[in-house]
Amino acid sequence: MNVRRHIAVLVAVLAVATAACGQTAARITPDTIALGDQATLRGHFDRVAGQGIEVLSIADDTASGERQAVVTSFTAGDHYIYLSPTDSLRLTVAEVEVDTVAAEIRDIAPLQRVPYTFWEIFRWVLLVLGIAALAVGAIWLMERLGHRRILGIASSEPRDTRPPDVRALEGLETLRREQLWQAGKAKEYHTELTDTLRRFVEESTGIRATELTSGETCDALAEGNWAADSNHWHAETAALKEEVQRLKEIFEVADMVKFAKSEPLAHEHEHAMSEAVRFVRDVWQWHTDEDSTAEAPEAEMRKEGGDA
């Protein structure tokens, strides 16, 4: 009896073991999906492998002690997911059917113009303003330093070959006829007067008077280091000091008018003009023994000045 009982128990154990071996260690839901859909694999397994199968994630469930994996496939057909050398699951992937009869087929939409944003417009505005600023700066620099030296080309305007004293006296006469200070334009009057003297000094002595301050111009003139025809200058020291002082006084009055908004009296305006004419004549006389100054303009200026 005992032998038969042991045999029955052994047979039952073998049957249970055989049934357990025939069951898979995991399950998959759903077992049929469309292309790109996902299926969930649950159970006890160590690996997930299969041709055409892509594993999206694997995680352990601490509550049930099972492992969970999410898989998908982009290839239609039956695919086998291998969990071990002897254990596998089948996943069927169905193609997505397209109803070409009921579905509305449309052409590719044309390109649409996207409206400009504020920043895109603002960048173009900044670019235009920057180019304009550079152009204005270049023009100012050319006017300041002289466009002939910057560009290195000769001006297309005909060059005035008359002596510097003739041009200076003519400019002073034109300025006197304009009667600027009588019209309340004292600043413009003295600015043009001193600019005429600066050009005369630069053209006759070589001193860069148009680029120097009033004090620097007078100091350079007093030193006597003139570049233009230096061998022809024969001014005496006393006479040189007198002309430098005369020029300094003209500059001082002009600077007071231009920068301190001073209002000279009528005789001070006329005195500045007469001193400027005398300065041009005397300084040019040092350059040559010949009287190359324009007698007619000076005589006319003296006549009309006396009539005034």
Protein backbone atom coordinates (compact mmCIF):
# COMPACT_ATOMS: atom_id res chain seq x y z
CA MET A 1 0.00 0.00 0.00
CA ASN A 2 2.78 2.44 0.88
CA VAL A 3 4.56 1.73 -2.36
CA ARG A 4 1.45 2.43 -4.39
CA ARG A 5 0.86 5.67 -2.51
CA HIS A 6 4.39 6.92 -3.17
CA ILE A 7 4.05 6.04 -6.84
CA ALA A 8 0.77 8.00 -7.10
CA VAL A 9 2.31 11.07 -5.45
CA LEU A 10 5.33 10.94 -7.77
CA VAL A 11 3.07 10.68 -10.81
CA ALA A 12 1.07 13.72 -9.64
CA VAL A 13 4.22 15.77 -9.10
CA LEU A 14 5.54 14.86 -12.55
CA ALA A 15 2.22 15.83 -14.11
CA VAL A 16 2.23 19.24 -12.43
CA ALA A 17 5.84 19.85 -13.44
CA THR A 18 5.09 18.87 -16.99
CA ALA A 19 2.11 21.23 -17.12
CA ALA A 20 4.19 24.06 -15.68
CA CYS A 21 6.89 23.51 -18.26
CA GLY A 22 4.30 23.73 -21.01
CA GLN A 23 3.09 27.17 -19.86
CA THR A 24 4.93 30.42 -20.85
CA ALA A 25 6.55 32.61 -18.20
CA ALA A 26 4.91 35.83 -19.56
CA ARG A 27 1.84 37.17 -21.37
CA ILE A 28 1.32 39.96 -23.91
CA THR A 29 -1.71 42.21 -24.34
CA PRO A 30 -2.91 42.76 -26.91
CA ASP A 31 -1.35 40.10 -29.08
CA THR A 32 -2.50 41.81 -32.28
CA ILE A 33 -1.70 45.47 -33.01
CA ALA A 34 -1.62 47.86 -35.97
CA LEU A 35 1.61 49.26 -37.38
CA GLY A 36 3.23 51.50 -34.77
CA ASP A 37 0.83 50.64 -31.98
CA GLN A 38 2.09 49.36 -28.63
CA ALA A 39 1.68 46.10 -26.72
CA THR A 40 2.49 45.37 -23.06
CA LEU A 41 4.47 42.32 -22.00
CA ARG A 42 4.05 41.16 -18.35
CA GLY A 43 5.51 38.26 -16.42
CA HIS A 44 8.82 36.80 -15.31
CA PHE A 45 11.48 37.11 -18.00
CA ASP A 46 15.10 38.19 -18.31
CA ARG A 47 15.24 39.44 -21.86
CA VAL A 48 13.04 40.62 -24.73
CA ALA A 49 14.28 39.94 -28.24
CA GLY A 50 12.79 39.37 -31.63
CA GLN A 51 13.21 40.34 -35.26
CA GLY A 52 11.10 43.38 -36.14
CA ILE A 53 10.35 44.08 -32.46
CA GLU A 54 11.35 47.36 -30.81
CA VAL A 55 11.41 47.59 -27.03
CA LEU A 56 10.25 51.03 -25.84
CA SER A 57 10.64 50.53 -22.06
CA ILE A 58 11.21 47.87 -19.36
CA ALA A 59 10.29 48.31 -15.70
CA ASP A 60 9.82 46.08 -12.59
CA ASP A 61 6.53 46.06 -10.66
CA THR A 62 7.53 45.77 -6.98
CA ALA A 63 3.96 45.00 -5.88
CA SER A 64 3.45 41.89 -8.03
CA GLY A 65 7.09 41.01 -8.54
CA GLU A 66 6.56 40.92 -12.30
CA ARG A 67 8.45 42.72 -15.04
CA GLN A 68 6.66 44.92 -17.58
CA ALA A 69 7.87 45.80 -21.06
CA VAL A 70 6.29 47.96 -23.75
CA VAL A 71 7.02 46.87 -27.33
CA THR A 72 5.99 47.95 -30.83
CA SER A 73 6.69 47.06 -34.45
CA PHE A 74 6.62 48.84 -37.78
CA THR A 75 6.71 45.65 -39.89
CA ALA A 76 3.49 43.82 -40.72
CA GLY A 77 3.21 40.08 -40.03
CA ASP A 78 3.71 37.60 -37.17
CA HIS A 79 6.65 38.30 -34.90
CA TYR A 80 8.01 36.13 -32.08
CA ILE A 81 9.26 37.69 -28.90
CA TYR A 82 11.91 35.45 -27.30
CA LEU A 83 12.05 35.53 -23.51
CA SER A 84 14.44 32.58 -23.18
CA PRO A 85 15.88 29.89 -25.44
CA THR A 86 12.74 27.77 -24.91
CA ASP A 87 10.09 30.46 -24.24
CA SER A 88 8.53 32.88 -26.76
CA LEU A 89 5.35 34.84 -27.47
CA ARG A 90 3.74 35.71 -30.77
CA LEU A 91 2.78 39.28 -31.71
CA THR A 92 0.74 39.88 -34.84
CA VAL A 93 1.18 43.27 -36.56
CA ALA A 94 -1.57 44.22 -39.01
CA GLU A 95 -1.20 46.73 -41.82
CA VAL A 96 -3.29 49.90 -41.71
CA GLU A 97 -5.77 49.78 -44.55
CA VAL A 98 -6.46 53.02 -46.38
CA ASP A 99 -9.82 53.45 -48.02
CA THR A 100 -8.85 55.19 -51.23
CA VAL A 101 -12.48 55.37 -52.32
CA ALA A 102 -14.03 57.06 -49.30
CA ALA A 103 -10.95 59.04 -48.29
CA GLU A 104 -10.60 62.54 -49.71
CA ILE A 105 -7.26 62.95 -51.46
CA ARG A 106 -5.99 66.53 -51.66
CA ASP A 107 -3.05 68.16 -53.36
CA ILE A 108 -0.11 69.37 -51.34
CA ALA A 109 -0.94 72.75 -49.85
CA PRO A 110 0.96 75.64 -51.44
CA LEU A 111 3.57 77.64 -49.54
CA GLN A 112 2.14 80.44 -47.44
CA ARG A 113 3.85 83.75 -46.71
CA VAL A 114 4.47 84.27 -43.01
CA PRO A 115 4.08 87.90 -41.87
CA TYR A 116 7.19 89.71 -40.72
CA THR A 117 7.71 89.99 -36.99
CA PHE A 118 8.53 93.23 -35.19
CA TRP A 119 12.13 92.16 -34.56
CA GLU A 120 12.72 91.33 -38.23
CA ILE A 121 11.48 94.78 -39.29
CA PHE A 122 13.42 96.46 -36.47
CA ARG A 123 16.67 94.80 -37.59
CA TRP A 124 16.25 96.21 -41.11
CA VAL A 125 15.54 99.66 -39.66
CA LEU A 126 18.72 99.45 -37.56
CA LEU A 127 20.70 98.38 -40.62
CA VAL A 128 19.45 101.35 -42.67
CA LEU A 129 20.16 103.77 -39.81
CA GLY A 130 23.65 102.32 -39.39
CA ILE A 131 24.44 102.74 -43.09
CA ALA A 132 23.09 106.30 -43.01
CA ALA A 133 25.21 107.10 -39.94
CA LEU A 134 28.33 105.73 -41.64
CA ALA A 135 27.61 107.81 -44.75
CA VAL A 136 27.11 110.99 -42.71
CA GLY A 137 30.28 110.26 -40.74
CA ALA A 138 32.27 109.73 -43.93
CA ILE A 139 30.99 112.99 -45.41
CA TRP A 140 31.80 114.86 -42.20
CA LEU A 141 35.30 113.37 -42.11
CA MET A 142 35.94 114.30 -45.72
CA GLU A 143 34.80 117.85 -45.09
CA ARG A 144 36.85 118.03 -41.88
CA LEU A 145 40.14 116.68 -43.18
CA GLY A 146 39.81 117.61 -46.83
CA HIS A 147 38.45 115.23 -49.45
CA ARG A 148 41.44 115.80 -51.71
CA ARG A 149 43.87 114.31 -49.16
CA ILE A 150 41.55 111.40 -48.31
CA LEU A 151 40.74 110.38 -51.86
CA GLY A 152 44.17 111.29 -53.22
CA ILE A 153 42.68 112.79 -56.38
CA ALA A 154 42.57 116.27 -57.78
CA SER A 155 39.38 118.25 -57.59
CA SER A 156 37.44 118.62 -60.80
CA GLU A 157 36.91 122.30 -60.02
CA PRO A 158 39.29 124.72 -61.74
CA ARG A 159 42.10 125.77 -59.45
CA ASP A 160 42.45 129.42 -58.55
CA THR A 161 46.05 130.27 -59.42
CA ARG A 162 45.93 133.86 -58.19
CA PRO A 163 48.26 134.84 -55.31
CA PRO A 164 46.94 134.16 -51.79
CA ASP A 165 46.74 137.85 -50.93
CA VAL A 166 44.53 138.60 -53.94
CA ARG A 167 42.11 135.82 -53.01
CA ALA A 168 42.10 136.84 -49.34
CA LEU A 169 41.40 140.50 -50.05
CA GLU A 170 38.68 139.56 -52.49
CA GLY A 171 37.09 137.32 -49.86
CA LEU A 172 37.21 140.09 -47.26
CA GLU A 173 35.65 142.52 -49.70
CA THR A 174 32.84 140.10 -50.49
CA LEU A 175 32.26 139.60 -46.77
CA ARG A 176 32.11 143.34 -46.17
CA ARG A 177 29.52 143.77 -48.95
CA GLU A 178 27.28 141.08 -47.45
CA GLN A 179 26.80 143.23 -44.30
CA LEU A 180 26.26 140.23 -42.05
CA TRP A 181 26.86 141.92 -38.72
CA GLN A 182 24.51 144.77 -39.72
CA ALA A 183 21.82 142.08 -40.19
CA GLY A 184 22.41 140.64 -36.71
CA LYS A 185 24.66 137.80 -37.93
CA ALA A 186 27.78 138.69 -35.98
CA LYS A 187 28.82 135.07 -35.48
CA GLU A 188 28.68 134.29 -39.19
CA TYR A 189 30.58 137.51 -39.95
CA HIS A 190 33.51 136.82 -37.63
CA THR A 191 33.60 133.12 -38.54
CA GLU A 192 34.00 133.90 -42.25
CA LEU A 193 36.53 136.65 -41.50
CA THR A 194 38.80 134.38 -39.43
CA ASP A 195 38.39 131.48 -41.88
CA THR A 196 39.60 133.77 -44.67
CA LEU A 197 42.66 134.72 -42.61
CA ARG A 198 43.36 131.06 -41.76
CA ARG A 199 43.29 130.10 -45.44
CA PHE A 200 45.59 133.01 -46.27
CA VAL A 201 48.09 131.99 -43.56
CA GLU A 202 48.03 128.37 -44.72
CA GLU A 203 48.46 129.20 -48.41
CA SER A 204 51.15 131.83 -47.89
CA THR A 205 53.24 130.29 -45.07
CA GLY A 206 52.48 126.57 -45.16
CA ILE A 207 51.19 126.59 -41.57
CA ARG A 208 48.13 124.31 -41.23
CA ALA A 209 46.07 127.18 -39.85
CA THR A 210 42.73 125.60 -40.90
CA GLU A 211 43.48 122.63 -38.64
CA LEU A 212 44.89 124.56 -35.65
CA THR A 213 43.27 126.57 -32.89
CA SER A 214 43.61 130.34 -32.76
CA GLY A 215 46.42 130.15 -30.20
CA GLU A 216 48.27 127.40 -32.07
CA THR A 217 48.09 129.39 -35.30
CA CYS A 218 49.55 132.51 -33.67
CA ASP A 219 52.30 130.49 -31.95
CA ALA A 220 53.27 128.79 -35.21
CA LEU A 221 53.36 132.15 -37.00
CA ALA A 222 55.52 133.68 -34.24
CA GLU A 223 58.05 130.84 -34.46
CA GLY A 224 58.71 131.65 -38.12
CA ASN A 225 59.07 127.98 -39.13
CA TRP A 226 57.19 128.37 -42.39
CA ALA A 227 57.26 125.70 -45.04
CA ALA A 228 56.12 127.68 -48.06
CA ASP A 229 58.92 129.51 -49.89
CA SER A 230 60.83 129.99 -46.63
CA ASN A 231 63.78 131.56 -48.43
CA HIS A 232 61.66 134.50 -49.58
CA TRP A 233 60.41 135.55 -46.15
CA HIS A 234 62.34 138.49 -44.71
CA ALA A 235 60.14 139.88 -41.92
CA GLU A 236 61.85 141.69 -39.07
CA THR A 237 61.34 140.40 -35.56
CA ALA A 238 59.53 143.52 -34.37
CA ALA A 239 57.24 143.58 -37.40
CA LEU A 240 56.50 139.85 -36.97
CA LYS A 241 55.49 140.35 -33.34
CA GLU A 242 53.23 143.22 -34.34
CA GLU A 243 51.42 141.14 -36.99
CA VAL A 244 51.06 138.15 -34.66
CA GLN A 245 49.54 140.42 -32.02
CA ARG A 246 47.18 141.90 -34.63
CA LEU A 247 46.05 138.43 -35.70
CA LYS A 248 45.64 137.35 -32.08
CA GLU A 249 43.35 140.29 -31.34
CA ILE A 250 41.21 139.49 -34.38
CA PHE A 251 40.93 135.85 -33.26
CA GLU A 252 40.10 136.86 -29.67
CA VAL A 253 37.19 139.04 -30.75
CA ALA A 254 35.91 136.33 -33.07
CA ASP A 255 36.19 133.63 -30.37
CA MET A 256 34.26 135.80 -27.93
CA VAL A 257 31.49 136.22 -30.50
CA LYS A 258 31.41 132.53 -31.52
CA PHE A 259 31.79 130.87 -28.12
CA ALA A 260 30.81 133.46 -25.52
CA LYS A 261 27.98 135.06 -27.55
CA SER A 262 29.59 138.47 -27.19
CA GLU A 263 28.02 141.42 -29.04
CA PRO A 264 30.78 143.80 -30.27
CA LEU A 265 30.03 147.42 -31.08
CA ALA A 266 29.81 148.64 -34.68
CA HIS A 267 33.29 150.13 -34.67
CA GLU A 268 34.71 146.82 -33.36
CA HIS A 269 33.29 144.96 -36.36
CA GLU A 270 34.78 147.52 -38.74
CA HIS A 271 38.09 147.52 -36.87
CA ALA A 272 38.34 143.73 -37.22
CA MET A 273 37.85 144.06 -40.98
CA SER A 274 40.43 146.83 -41.40
CA GLU A 275 42.96 144.93 -39.24
CA ALA A 276 42.41 141.80 -41.33
CA VAL A 277 43.08 143.73 -44.56
CA ARG A 278 46.24 145.25 -43.07
CA PHE A 279 47.44 141.85 -41.85
CA VAL A 280 47.07 140.34 -45.33
CA ARG A 281 48.92 143.21 -47.00
CA ASP A 282 51.78 143.40 -44.51
CA VAL A 283 52.40 139.69 -44.26
CA TRP A 284 52.38 139.25 -48.02
CA GLN A 285 54.87 142.10 -48.39
CA TRP A 286 57.35 140.01 -46.45
CA HIS A 287 57.08 137.34 -49.10
CA THR A 288 58.01 139.47 -52.07
CA ASP A 289 59.32 142.94 -52.75
CA GLU A 290 56.82 143.31 -55.57
CA ASP A 291 53.37 144.65 -54.67
CA SER A 292 51.14 141.84 -55.91
CA THR A 293 48.13 142.79 -53.83
CA ALA A 294 44.92 143.90 -55.49
CA GLU A 295 44.88 147.67 -55.27
CA ALA A 296 41.40 148.05 -56.62
CA PRO A 297 39.61 145.97 -53.98
CA GLU A 298 41.55 147.63 -51.13
CA ALA A 299 40.94 151.11 -52.45
CA GLU A 300 37.26 150.38 -52.84
CA MET A 301 37.10 149.01 -49.33
CA ARG A 302 38.77 152.13 -47.91
CA LYS A 303 36.45 154.37 -49.89
CA GLU A 304 33.25 152.64 -48.88
CA GLY A 305 34.53 152.27 -45.31
CA GLY A 306 35.09 156.02 -45.19
CA ASP A 307 31.61 156.67 -46.61
CA ALA A 308 30.15 154.47 -43.85
